[in-house]
Every structure is written in C-alpha cells, then in structure tokens.
C-alpha atoms as a PDB file:
ATOM      1  CA  MET A   1      20.116  16.668  -2.258  1.00  0.00           C
ATOM      2  CA  ALA A   2      16.540  15.338  -2.371  1.00  0.00           C
ATOM      3  CA  PHE A   3      14.252  15.243   0.628  1.00  0.00           C
ATOM      4  CA  ILE A   4      11.387  12.862   1.253  1.00  0.00           C
ATOM      5  CA  THR A   5       8.304  14.050   3.123  1.00  0.00           C
ATOM      6  CA  TYR A   6       6.680  11.336   5.227  1.00  0.00           C
ATOM      7  CA  ILE A   7       3.755  10.699   7.544  1.00  0.00           C
ATOM      8  CA  LEU A   8       4.214   8.217  10.396  1.00  0.00           C
ATOM      9  CA  TYR A   9       1.442   6.937  12.657  1.00  0.00           C
ATOM     10  CA  SER A  10       1.848   6.052  16.325  1.00  0.00           C
ATOM     11  CA  ARG A  11      -0.642   3.379  17.403  1.00  0.00           C
ATOM     12  CA  LYS A  12       0.231   4.033  21.033  1.00  0.00           C
ATOM     13  CA  LEU A  13      -0.595   7.745  20.877  1.00  0.00           C
ATOM     14  CA  ARG A  14      -3.068   7.459  17.984  1.00  0.00           C
ATOM     15  CA  ARG A  15      -1.341  10.378  16.278  1.00  0.00           C
ATOM     16  CA  PHE A  16       0.186  11.147  12.909  1.00  0.00           C
ATOM     17  CA  TYR A  17       3.584  12.807  12.580  1.00  0.00           C
ATOM     18  CA  VAL A  18       4.813  14.624   9.487  1.00  0.00           C
ATOM     19  CA  GLY A  19       8.509  15.090   8.772  1.00  0.00           C
ATOM     20  CA  TYR A  20      11.189  14.963   6.134  1.00  0.00           C
ATOM     21  CA  THR A  21      14.423  13.056   5.604  1.00  0.00           C
ATOM     22  CA  THR A  22      17.045  12.257   2.994  1.00  0.00           C
ATOM     23  CA  ASP A  23      17.100   8.562   3.979  1.00  0.00           C
ATOM     24  CA  MET A  24      13.631   7.057   4.422  1.00  0.00           C
ATOM     25  CA  MET A  25      14.763   3.559   5.412  1.00  0.00           C
ATOM     26  CA  LYS A  26      17.023   4.966   8.115  1.00  0.00           C
ATOM     27  CA  ARG A  27      14.216   7.190   9.415  1.00  0.00           C
ATOM     28  CA  LEU A  28      11.688   4.342   9.451  1.00  0.00           C
ATOM     29  CA  ASN A  29      14.141   2.125  11.353  1.00  0.00           C
ATOM     30  CA  GLN A  30      14.699   4.947  13.870  1.00  0.00           C
ATOM     31  CA  HIS A  31      10.951   5.294  14.343  1.00  0.00           C
ATOM     32  CA  ASN A  32      10.508   1.548  14.861  1.00  0.00           C
ATOM     33  CA  ARG A  33      13.320   1.494  17.448  1.00  0.00           C
ATOM     34  CA  GLY A  34      11.792   4.414  19.351  1.00  0.00           C
ATOM     35  CA  GLU A  35      14.436   6.907  18.285  1.00  0.00           C
ATOM     36  CA  GLY A  36      14.011  10.213  16.541  1.00  0.00           C
ATOM     37  CA  GLY A  37      12.661  12.846  18.881  1.00  0.00           C
ATOM     38  CA  TYR A  38       8.978  13.574  18.367  1.00  0.00           C
ATOM     39  CA  THR A  39       7.914  10.005  17.638  1.00  0.00           C
ATOM     40  CA  GLN A  40      10.028   8.539  20.422  1.00  0.00           C
ATOM     41  CA  GLN A  41       7.253   8.706  23.028  1.00  0.00           C
ATOM     42  CA  GLY A  42       4.852   6.929  20.702  1.00  0.00           C
ATOM     43  CA  SER A  43       6.958   3.878  19.974  1.00  0.00           C
END
C-alpha cells in the first residue's frame, strides 16, 4: 500500500497542515468540505 504525503493550507487560519493518505482525492474533498479532524476548524 502506497501513502501520499501532502501539505494543505488553510486561508482562514493562515496555517499549513502536513499529513498522509492513501487516497489524495478523497482527502482533498474531505478538507474542502470541512471534514478530517485537524483541518476542520480551518475550512
């Protein structure tokens, strides 16, 4: 199983978040919907 390391930026909090996933499109959609734990408050 391959993992992808990513960096997401929250404009609201002006912060970067680093994480990893096996499904980048799913993770990006979660981020954009305000789901996913750490980045939820920055959506």
